[in-house]
Amino acid sequence: MKRYSAFAIAREARRHHVGWERAWRSPAPKSEYDVVIVGAGGHGLATAYYLAKNHGVTNVAVIEKGWLGGGNTGRNTTIIRSNYLQDESAAIYEKARGLYETLSQDLNYNIMFSPRGVMMLAQTEHELRGFKRTAHANAIQGVKTEMLTPQQVKKKVPIMEINGPRFPVLGALWQARGGTARHDAVAWGYARAASDMGVDIIQQTEVTGIDQQAGVVTGVQTSRGAIRCKKLAIVVAGNSGLLADMAGFRLPIESVSLQAMVTEPIKPCLDVVVMANTVHGYMSQSDKGELVIGGGADGYNNYTQRGSFHHIEETVRALIETFPIISRLKMLRQWGGVVDMTGDRSPIIGKTPLGGCFINCGWGTGGFKSIPGSGWAMAETVAKGTPSALAAPFGLDRFREGRFIDESVAAGVAH
C-alpha cells in the first residue's frame, strides 16, 4: 500500500494522477476463511482491521450485500462523544473517542476528525439534575466534561435563543474533546488498512444462510456460493435480527428507522455540536456549510431508509424556537438509517447460542461514535473466543440475568 502524503499528492500531480492505486482490493471469495464478518460498515471493517493489527488474524473475509459503508455508516450525523452515565458505557465510548483522535495517523487516511466540542442542552429541571449527575460520574470515570451556565452556552453559540418560552436553556453538559468525523472516510480508511493486511472485502454478496453442525457454525451460504469458516461475526446493525434468525436464535432488539436531514449551505455560524434531548434534535455545521440535523427514531418497527414528513415537522418545529435562524433555510435532503434498539438502549457484543458465532449489534442511535471501540472489543472477543474486558458487560446473558446497562433512562433520550 502506497502511503498518502503531501509529497505523494505533489508527485501524482506532476504525472496527471495516473499512479494512484485502488484503495482496497476486490477479490473473489475463497472457499474458506478463519473468520467471516458479515457487514462492511464501520463496525465490521473496524473488527477486521483490529483482528489483523492486534491479533494477527488476517485470513478474514468481510461480506457485504451492498456497497462498503452504504448502510448506517453513511447515513448518520457523525457525532462523537463519550459523556455517558453508566461506567460500562463510558469505558467503551471513551476508548472509541480516544482512538478517533489518532485514527487518521493510524490508518494513513484523513478521517477529518474535528474535536469541536459537544454540548448537550438542559432545557428542563429534570435534565439539569440529570446532566449534573452525569458530570460527577464522568469525573469519577476519568472522562472530562463540565457543566455550562446559560450565559456560557450563549457565548459559545451566539445564534441560540436561550430564553425560549417552552424550551429555555437552563445549562448544558459540555465535552470539549467530543466532535465529528467524516463518516465515509472512517469506513474507507478502515477498509484500505485492513485490505493491505490481507483481509478480503467482498461487496455485492448477500448472505442467504448460515451453516452449522452439532451446534457449531461451519460456514455461510451467499449469493456467490458457500464459504466455510471457523468463526462467524455478525455485524449488520438494523438487520441483526434477520441474521440471527438464520443462525437459529432470537435477539432482544427492535429495528426502526432513524432520520436526519441537511439544509442548504450557509456561512459558518455554528462551530460546536449541539444536542437538545428534550425535543430530540441535534445539529452541527459541515465543512460545506450545511446544517446537519438529526431527529428521532420512528415509533414503529420498520426497515425503511427513507425520511418522512412528520419527522421533519416534529424536529424542525422544536429546534426553530432554540435556533430561530434555521426557520428561513431550505432542506437540501433527508434520509433514514435502520438502527436496532435493545430494551436498555445499550449494545450487545459477544458470543451467541451458536458455537463459534459472535454478534455485535444494538447500538441504537450511537453507532458511529463507537466504531473504533466497538471494533477493538469485538476483534479481541472473536480472536480469543471469550469477551474482552470492554465487551464483557454487554453480553446477551445480561437480559436473562437482569443486568441492564440502562442508558435510556440515564440520558433521557434513545442514546
Protein backbone atom coordinates (compact mmCIF):
# COMPACT_ATOMS: atom_id res chain seq x y z
CA MET A 1 0.00 0.00 0.00
CA LYS A 2 1.42 3.37 -1.01
CA ARG A 3 1.37 5.92 1.79
CA TYR A 4 -0.71 9.02 1.34
CA SER A 5 1.18 12.26 2.00
CA ALA A 6 1.68 15.79 0.70
CA PHE A 7 4.70 14.52 -1.23
CA ALA A 8 2.57 11.78 -2.84
CA ILE A 9 -0.02 14.35 -3.93
CA ALA A 10 2.70 16.54 -5.46
CA ARG A 11 4.29 13.54 -7.21
CA GLU A 12 1.00 12.35 -8.70
CA ALA A 13 0.05 15.87 -9.74
CA ARG A 14 3.16 16.03 -11.90
CA ARG A 15 2.15 12.84 -13.72
CA HIS A 16 -1.56 13.66 -14.04
CA HIS A 17 -2.61 11.38 -11.17
CA VAL A 18 -2.19 8.15 -13.15
CA GLY A 19 -0.18 6.44 -10.41
CA TRP A 20 -2.82 6.13 -7.71
CA GLU A 21 -3.66 2.53 -6.84
CA ARG A 22 -7.03 1.18 -5.70
CA ALA A 23 -7.71 1.94 -2.05
CA TRP A 24 -8.65 -1.68 -1.32
CA ARG A 25 -8.72 -4.98 -3.19
CA SER A 26 -11.94 -6.55 -4.50
CA PRO A 27 -11.03 -10.26 -4.66
CA ALA A 28 -13.23 -13.22 -5.47
CA PRO A 29 -14.23 -15.05 -2.29
CA LYS A 30 -12.11 -18.01 -1.24
CA SER A 31 -13.71 -21.29 -0.26
CA GLU A 32 -12.71 -21.00 3.41
CA TYR A 33 -11.61 -18.38 5.95
CA ASP A 34 -10.65 -18.40 9.59
CA VAL A 35 -13.18 -15.63 10.26
CA VAL A 36 -16.10 -14.38 8.19
CA ILE A 37 -17.51 -10.99 9.17
CA VAL A 38 -20.97 -10.19 7.80
CA GLY A 39 -21.35 -6.45 7.29
CA ALA A 40 -18.89 -3.97 5.75
CA GLY A 41 -19.99 -0.95 7.74
CA GLY A 42 -17.75 0.87 10.18
CA HIS A 43 -18.10 -1.74 12.94
CA GLY A 44 -17.43 -4.72 10.67
CA LEU A 45 -14.43 -3.09 8.99
CA ALA A 46 -13.00 -1.94 12.32
CA THR A 47 -13.36 -5.50 13.64
CA ALA A 48 -11.45 -6.82 10.62
CA TYR A 49 -8.74 -4.18 10.99
CA TYR A 50 -8.12 -4.83 14.68
CA LEU A 51 -8.25 -8.60 14.16
CA ALA A 52 -5.34 -8.20 11.74
CA LYS A 53 -3.47 -5.47 13.58
CA ASN A 54 -3.88 -6.53 17.21
CA HIS A 55 -4.21 -10.31 16.89
CA GLY A 56 -2.51 -11.27 13.62
CA VAL A 57 -5.69 -12.85 12.22
CA THR A 58 -5.61 -11.97 8.52
CA ASN A 59 -7.43 -14.89 6.85
CA VAL A 60 -10.63 -12.87 7.16
CA ALA A 61 -13.47 -12.05 4.77
CA VAL A 62 -15.82 -9.11 5.23
CA ILE A 63 -19.01 -9.82 3.27
CA GLU A 64 -21.37 -7.01 2.33
CA LYS A 65 -24.66 -7.40 0.45
CA GLY A 66 -24.46 -3.86 -0.93
CA TRP A 67 -21.54 -1.47 -1.15
CA LEU A 68 -18.96 -0.72 1.51
CA GLY A 69 -20.26 1.80 4.05
CA GLY A 70 -23.65 2.02 2.31
CA GLY A 71 -25.71 1.33 5.43
CA ASN A 72 -25.82 3.29 8.67
CA THR A 73 -22.14 4.27 8.43
CA GLY A 74 -23.02 6.56 5.54
CA ARG A 75 -26.38 7.64 6.97
CA ASN A 76 -25.64 9.26 10.32
CA THR A 77 -24.89 12.68 11.77
CA THR A 78 -21.24 11.84 12.67
CA ILE A 79 -21.34 12.91 16.33
CA ILE A 80 -18.54 11.60 18.58
CA ARG A 81 -18.84 11.79 22.37
CA SER A 82 -18.28 9.64 25.46
CA ASN A 83 -20.17 11.50 28.21
CA TYR A 84 -22.32 8.56 29.30
CA LEU A 85 -23.56 7.92 32.81
CA GLN A 86 -23.03 4.19 33.24
CA ASP A 87 -19.42 3.07 33.81
CA GLU A 88 -19.58 0.33 31.18
CA SER A 89 -20.84 2.73 28.51
CA ALA A 90 -18.34 5.44 29.38
CA ALA A 91 -15.48 2.94 29.13
CA ILE A 92 -16.21 1.72 25.60
CA TYR A 93 -17.21 5.12 24.22
CA GLU A 94 -14.16 6.80 25.74
CA LYS A 95 -11.99 4.08 24.19
CA ALA A 96 -13.60 4.89 20.85
CA ARG A 97 -13.20 8.65 21.28
CA GLY A 98 -9.54 8.22 22.20
CA LEU A 99 -8.89 6.05 19.15
CA TYR A 100 -10.63 8.60 16.93
CA GLU A 101 -8.09 11.24 17.97
CA THR A 102 -5.21 9.41 16.28
CA LEU A 103 -7.15 7.38 13.70
CA SER A 104 -6.05 9.45 10.71
CA GLN A 105 -2.41 8.76 11.60
CA ASP A 106 -3.03 5.08 12.44
CA LEU A 107 -4.83 4.40 9.14
CA ASN A 108 -2.81 6.84 6.98
CA TYR A 109 -6.16 8.19 5.86
CA ASN A 110 -7.68 11.57 6.73
CA ILE A 111 -10.96 10.86 8.53
CA MET A 112 -11.43 14.62 9.07
CA PHE A 113 -11.78 14.27 12.84
CA SER A 114 -12.93 17.62 14.27
CA PRO A 115 -12.83 17.86 18.10
CA ARG A 116 -15.07 20.90 18.08
CA GLY A 117 -16.87 20.02 21.31
CA VAL A 118 -20.32 18.56 22.05
CA MET A 119 -22.92 20.49 24.03
CA MET A 120 -25.97 18.69 25.47
CA LEU A 121 -28.61 21.24 26.41
CA ALA A 122 -30.58 21.03 29.65
CA GLN A 123 -34.00 22.51 28.90
CA THR A 124 -35.92 21.14 31.89
CA GLU A 125 -35.09 20.96 35.58
CA HIS A 126 -35.08 17.17 35.29
CA GLU A 127 -32.44 17.32 32.55
CA LEU A 128 -30.34 19.80 34.51
CA ARG A 129 -30.23 17.47 37.53
CA GLY A 130 -29.51 14.51 35.27
CA PHE A 131 -26.61 16.18 33.48
CA LYS A 132 -25.08 17.33 36.77
CA ARG A 133 -25.18 13.72 37.91
CA THR A 134 -23.54 12.63 34.65
CA ALA A 135 -20.82 15.26 35.03
CA HIS A 136 -19.99 13.90 38.50
CA ALA A 137 -19.98 10.32 37.16
CA ASN A 138 -17.72 11.35 34.27
CA ALA A 139 -15.25 12.90 36.73
CA ILE A 140 -15.01 9.55 38.54
CA GLN A 141 -14.67 7.68 35.23
CA GLY A 142 -11.87 9.93 34.00
CA VAL A 143 -14.00 11.37 31.19
CA LYS A 144 -13.51 15.14 31.10
CA THR A 145 -16.81 17.03 30.98
CA GLU A 146 -18.19 20.14 32.66
CA MET A 147 -21.47 21.95 33.23
CA LEU A 148 -22.07 25.27 31.49
CA THR A 149 -24.35 28.08 32.62
CA PRO A 150 -26.90 29.55 30.19
CA GLN A 151 -24.62 32.54 29.69
CA GLN A 152 -21.67 30.28 28.81
CA VAL A 153 -23.89 28.41 26.35
CA LYS A 154 -24.88 31.69 24.68
CA LYS A 155 -21.24 32.75 24.42
CA LYS A 156 -20.28 29.52 22.64
CA VAL A 157 -23.36 29.55 20.39
CA PRO A 158 -24.47 33.15 19.74
CA ILE A 159 -27.24 32.07 17.33
CA MET A 160 -29.06 30.24 20.13
CA GLU A 161 -32.13 31.67 21.85
CA ILE A 162 -31.72 30.66 25.50
CA ASN A 163 -34.91 32.27 26.84
CA GLY A 164 -37.49 30.39 24.79
CA PRO A 165 -40.92 30.19 26.44
CA ARG A 166 -41.28 26.41 26.00
CA PHE A 167 -37.66 25.27 25.94
CA PRO A 168 -35.44 27.68 27.89
CA VAL A 169 -31.78 26.73 28.19
CA LEU A 170 -31.00 26.11 31.89
CA GLY A 171 -27.45 24.86 31.31
CA ALA A 172 -25.55 22.27 29.31
CA LEU A 173 -23.20 19.32 29.69
CA TRP A 174 -20.07 20.14 27.69
CA GLN A 175 -17.43 17.73 26.39
CA ALA A 176 -14.70 19.79 24.78
CA ARG A 177 -12.95 16.77 23.23
CA GLY A 178 -16.05 15.45 21.52
CA GLY A 179 -16.83 16.39 17.94
CA THR A 180 -17.37 14.92 14.49
CA ALA A 181 -15.57 12.97 11.75
CA ARG A 182 -16.26 12.21 8.10
CA HIS A 183 -18.38 9.04 8.11
CA ASP A 184 -17.38 7.77 4.66
CA ALA A 185 -13.70 8.38 5.37
CA VAL A 186 -13.86 6.24 8.53
CA ALA A 187 -15.20 3.28 6.53
CA TRP A 188 -12.78 3.84 3.63
CA GLY A 189 -9.78 4.23 5.93
CA TYR A 190 -10.50 1.00 7.82
CA ALA A 191 -11.18 -0.84 4.55
CA ARG A 192 -7.92 0.32 2.99
CA ALA A 193 -5.81 -0.58 6.02
CA ALA A 194 -7.49 -3.97 6.54
CA SER A 195 -7.16 -4.86 2.87
CA ASP A 196 -3.47 -4.03 2.96
CA MET A 197 -3.01 -6.59 5.75
CA GLY A 198 -4.68 -9.36 3.73
CA VAL A 199 -8.37 -9.05 4.64
CA ASP A 200 -10.74 -9.81 1.74
CA ILE A 201 -13.56 -7.27 1.34
CA ILE A 202 -16.32 -8.83 -0.75
CA GLN A 203 -19.08 -6.47 -1.82
CA GLN A 204 -22.39 -7.09 -3.61
CA THR A 205 -22.60 -10.51 -1.95
CA GLU A 206 -25.59 -11.33 0.22
CA VAL A 207 -25.54 -13.92 2.99
CA THR A 208 -28.58 -16.15 2.48
CA GLY A 209 -27.98 -18.83 5.11
CA ILE A 210 -25.73 -19.91 7.97
CA ASP A 211 -24.40 -23.47 8.01
CA GLN A 212 -23.92 -25.32 11.28
CA GLN A 213 -23.20 -28.79 12.57
CA ALA A 214 -23.73 -30.08 16.11
CA GLY A 215 -24.47 -26.56 17.32
CA VAL A 216 -21.31 -25.02 15.86
CA VAL A 217 -21.06 -22.71 12.85
CA THR A 218 -19.32 -24.18 9.81
CA GLY A 219 -19.87 -21.51 7.16
CA VAL A 220 -22.27 -19.27 5.31
CA GLN A 221 -24.33 -19.53 2.15
CA THR A 222 -24.07 -16.48 -0.09
CA SER A 223 -25.35 -15.25 -3.42
CA ARG A 224 -21.90 -16.23 -4.78
CA GLY A 225 -21.78 -19.70 -3.27
CA ALA A 226 -20.88 -21.37 0.01
CA ILE A 227 -17.99 -20.12 2.17
CA ARG A 228 -16.66 -22.21 5.05
CA CYS A 229 -15.36 -20.56 8.20
CA LYS A 230 -14.15 -21.42 11.68
CA LYS A 231 -15.70 -18.33 13.27
CA LEU A 232 -18.54 -16.04 12.21
CA ALA A 233 -19.07 -12.43 13.31
CA ILE A 234 -22.46 -10.84 12.63
CA VAL A 235 -22.12 -7.04 12.46
CA VAL A 236 -25.10 -5.83 10.41
CA ALA A 237 -26.77 -3.13 12.54
CA GLY A 238 -30.53 -2.93 11.83
CA ASN A 239 -30.58 -6.31 10.08
CA SER A 240 -29.17 -8.20 13.07
CA GLY A 241 -32.49 -9.92 13.79
CA LEU A 242 -32.62 -11.33 10.26
CA LEU A 243 -29.13 -12.86 10.50
CA ALA A 244 -29.83 -14.17 14.00
CA ASP A 245 -32.92 -15.92 12.65
CA MET A 246 -30.74 -17.62 10.02
CA ALA A 247 -28.44 -18.79 12.81
CA GLY A 248 -31.34 -20.16 14.84
CA PHE A 249 -31.61 -17.78 17.79
CA ARG A 250 -33.53 -14.62 18.65
CA LEU A 251 -32.30 -11.21 19.79
CA PRO A 252 -33.98 -8.79 22.24
CA ILE A 253 -33.95 -5.95 19.72
CA GLU A 254 -36.31 -3.91 17.57
CA SER A 255 -35.36 -2.38 14.22
CA VAL A 256 -36.55 1.15 13.45
CA SER A 257 -35.64 3.98 11.12
CA LEU A 258 -33.66 6.91 12.50
CA GLN A 259 -33.98 10.08 10.44
CA ALA A 260 -31.77 13.04 9.63
CA MET A 261 -31.55 15.92 7.15
CA VAL A 262 -29.27 18.70 5.96
CA THR A 263 -30.08 22.27 5.00
CA GLU A 264 -28.79 24.33 2.13
CA PRO A 265 -25.23 25.58 2.80
CA ILE A 266 -24.79 28.90 4.61
CA LYS A 267 -21.87 30.87 6.01
CA PRO A 268 -20.21 29.49 9.20
CA CYS A 269 -22.44 30.13 12.22
CA LEU A 270 -22.10 27.02 14.41
CA ASP A 271 -18.68 25.66 15.37
CA VAL A 272 -19.79 23.12 18.01
CA VAL A 273 -22.22 20.19 18.10
CA VAL A 274 -25.47 20.96 19.93
CA MET A 275 -27.81 18.25 21.18
CA ALA A 276 -31.27 19.12 22.51
CA ASN A 277 -32.61 15.96 24.09
CA THR A 278 -35.89 17.45 25.28
CA VAL A 279 -37.00 17.82 21.67
CA HIS A 280 -34.65 15.10 20.37
CA GLY A 281 -32.93 17.33 17.86
CA TYR A 282 -29.20 17.74 17.35
CA MET A 283 -27.28 19.94 14.98
CA SER A 284 -23.81 20.73 13.66
CA GLN A 285 -22.43 22.54 10.62
CA SER A 286 -20.47 20.69 7.97
CA ASP A 287 -17.36 21.94 6.21
CA LYS A 288 -19.54 22.74 3.19
CA GLY A 289 -21.78 24.97 5.30
CA GLU A 290 -24.79 22.68 5.55
CA LEU A 291 -26.52 22.36 8.90
CA VAL A 292 -26.69 18.64 9.69
CA ILE A 293 -29.84 18.00 11.74
CA GLY A 294 -30.69 14.72 13.43
CA GLY A 295 -34.13 13.78 14.66
CA GLY A 296 -35.82 10.93 16.44
CA ALA A 297 -36.39 7.31 15.63
CA ASP A 298 -39.71 6.14 14.22
CA GLY A 299 -42.22 4.93 16.78
CA TYR A 300 -42.88 1.69 14.93
CA ASN A 301 -40.71 -1.17 13.65
CA ASN A 302 -39.56 -0.85 10.04
CA TYR A 303 -36.59 -1.28 7.71
CA THR A 304 -37.02 1.82 5.56
CA GLN A 305 -34.12 4.12 4.63
CA ARG A 306 -36.40 6.97 3.56
CA GLY A 307 -37.36 10.03 5.52
CA SER A 308 -40.91 11.02 6.45
CA PHE A 309 -42.72 14.33 6.63
CA HIS A 310 -43.84 14.06 10.24
CA HIS A 311 -40.24 13.85 11.46
CA ILE A 312 -39.30 16.98 9.54
CA GLU A 313 -42.16 18.76 11.23
CA GLU A 314 -41.51 17.40 14.73
CA THR A 315 -37.77 18.01 14.72
CA VAL A 316 -37.61 21.37 12.98
CA ARG A 317 -40.66 22.82 14.75
CA ALA A 318 -38.97 22.34 18.13
CA LEU A 319 -35.47 23.39 17.04
CA ILE A 320 -36.71 26.66 15.49
CA GLU A 321 -37.55 28.01 18.93
CA THR A 322 -33.99 27.46 20.13
CA PHE A 323 -32.37 28.33 16.77
CA PRO A 324 -34.60 30.96 15.07
CA ILE A 325 -32.04 31.31 12.27
CA ILE A 326 -32.98 27.95 10.74
CA SER A 327 -36.60 28.98 10.09
CA ARG A 328 -35.59 30.58 6.78
CA LEU A 329 -33.47 27.70 5.48
CA LYS A 330 -34.45 25.21 2.80
CA MET A 331 -33.97 21.50 3.33
CA LEU A 332 -31.45 20.05 0.89
CA ARG A 333 -32.02 16.34 1.50
CA GLN A 334 -33.38 13.88 4.08
CA TRP A 335 -32.72 10.21 4.76
CA GLY A 336 -33.13 7.40 7.26
CA GLY A 337 -30.95 4.63 8.63
CA VAL A 338 -32.13 1.34 10.13
CA VAL A 339 -30.99 1.01 13.74
CA ASP A 340 -31.52 -1.83 16.20
CA MET A 341 -32.69 -0.92 19.69
CA THR A 342 -32.32 -3.03 22.82
CA GLY A 343 -34.54 -2.57 25.85
CA ASP A 344 -31.83 -0.80 27.84
CA ARG A 345 -30.51 1.11 24.80
CA SER A 346 -27.05 -0.43 25.20
CA PRO A 347 -25.30 -2.67 22.66
CA ILE A 348 -24.82 -6.42 22.50
CA ILE A 349 -21.25 -7.69 21.97
CA GLY A 350 -20.19 -11.28 22.50
CA LYS A 351 -20.98 -14.93 22.00
CA THR A 352 -24.30 -16.31 20.78
CA PRO A 353 -26.09 -19.63 21.41
CA LEU A 354 -24.47 -20.92 18.20
CA GLY A 355 -20.91 -22.07 18.82
CA GLY A 356 -18.25 -20.06 17.01
CA CYS A 357 -20.75 -17.30 16.17
CA PHE A 358 -20.35 -13.83 17.66
CA ILE A 359 -22.56 -10.78 17.37
CA ASN A 360 -22.16 -7.02 17.61
CA CYS A 361 -25.45 -5.09 17.44
CA GLY A 362 -27.95 -2.96 19.34
CA TRP A 363 -26.04 0.34 19.18
CA GLY A 364 -29.28 2.20 18.58
CA THR A 365 -28.54 5.79 17.60
CA GLY A 366 -24.98 5.70 18.99
CA GLY A 367 -23.29 3.52 16.39
CA PHE A 368 -20.95 5.94 14.63
CA LYS A 369 -19.32 7.36 17.74
CA SER A 370 -18.47 3.86 18.97
CA ILE A 371 -16.88 2.39 15.81
CA PRO A 372 -13.21 2.21 16.91
CA GLY A 373 -14.01 1.00 20.44
CA SER A 374 -16.58 -1.47 19.16
CA GLY A 375 -14.17 -2.90 16.58
CA TRP A 376 -11.39 -3.14 19.16
CA ALA A 377 -13.59 -5.01 21.66
CA MET A 378 -15.22 -7.25 19.04
CA ALA A 379 -11.87 -8.21 17.48
CA GLU A 380 -10.49 -9.31 20.86
CA THR A 381 -13.67 -11.25 21.62
CA VAL A 382 -13.58 -13.10 18.28
CA ALA A 383 -9.83 -13.75 18.37
CA LYS A 384 -9.79 -15.14 21.93
CA GLY A 385 -13.24 -16.73 21.91
CA THR A 386 -14.20 -15.02 25.16
CA PRO A 387 -15.49 -11.47 25.73
CA SER A 388 -12.88 -8.76 26.18
CA ALA A 389 -12.96 -6.54 29.26
CA LEU A 390 -14.69 -3.80 27.27
CA ALA A 391 -17.25 -6.18 25.78
CA ALA A 392 -17.98 -8.42 28.79
CA PRO A 393 -20.73 -6.25 30.35
CA PHE A 394 -22.61 -6.13 27.03
CA GLY A 395 -23.21 -9.86 26.55
CA LEU A 396 -26.56 -11.41 25.66
CA ASP A 397 -26.77 -13.06 29.07
CA ARG A 398 -27.40 -9.73 30.79
CA PHE A 399 -31.01 -9.79 29.60
CA ARG A 400 -31.57 -13.20 31.15
CA GLU A 401 -29.83 -12.20 34.37
CA GLY A 402 -31.35 -8.72 34.67
CA ARG A 403 -28.01 -6.86 34.49
CA PHE A 404 -29.25 -3.97 32.38
CA ILE A 405 -27.00 -1.07 31.40
CA ASP A 406 -29.80 1.47 31.20
CA GLU A 407 -28.67 4.45 29.14
CA SER A 408 -32.22 5.25 28.06
CA VAL A 409 -33.26 6.47 31.49
CA ALA A 410 -29.81 7.87 32.28
CA ALA A 411 -29.66 10.06 29.19
CA GLY A 412 -33.35 10.79 28.88
CA VAL A 413 -33.00 10.00 25.15
CA ALA A 414 -32.67 6.93 22.96
CA HIS A 415 -28.88 7.19 23.05
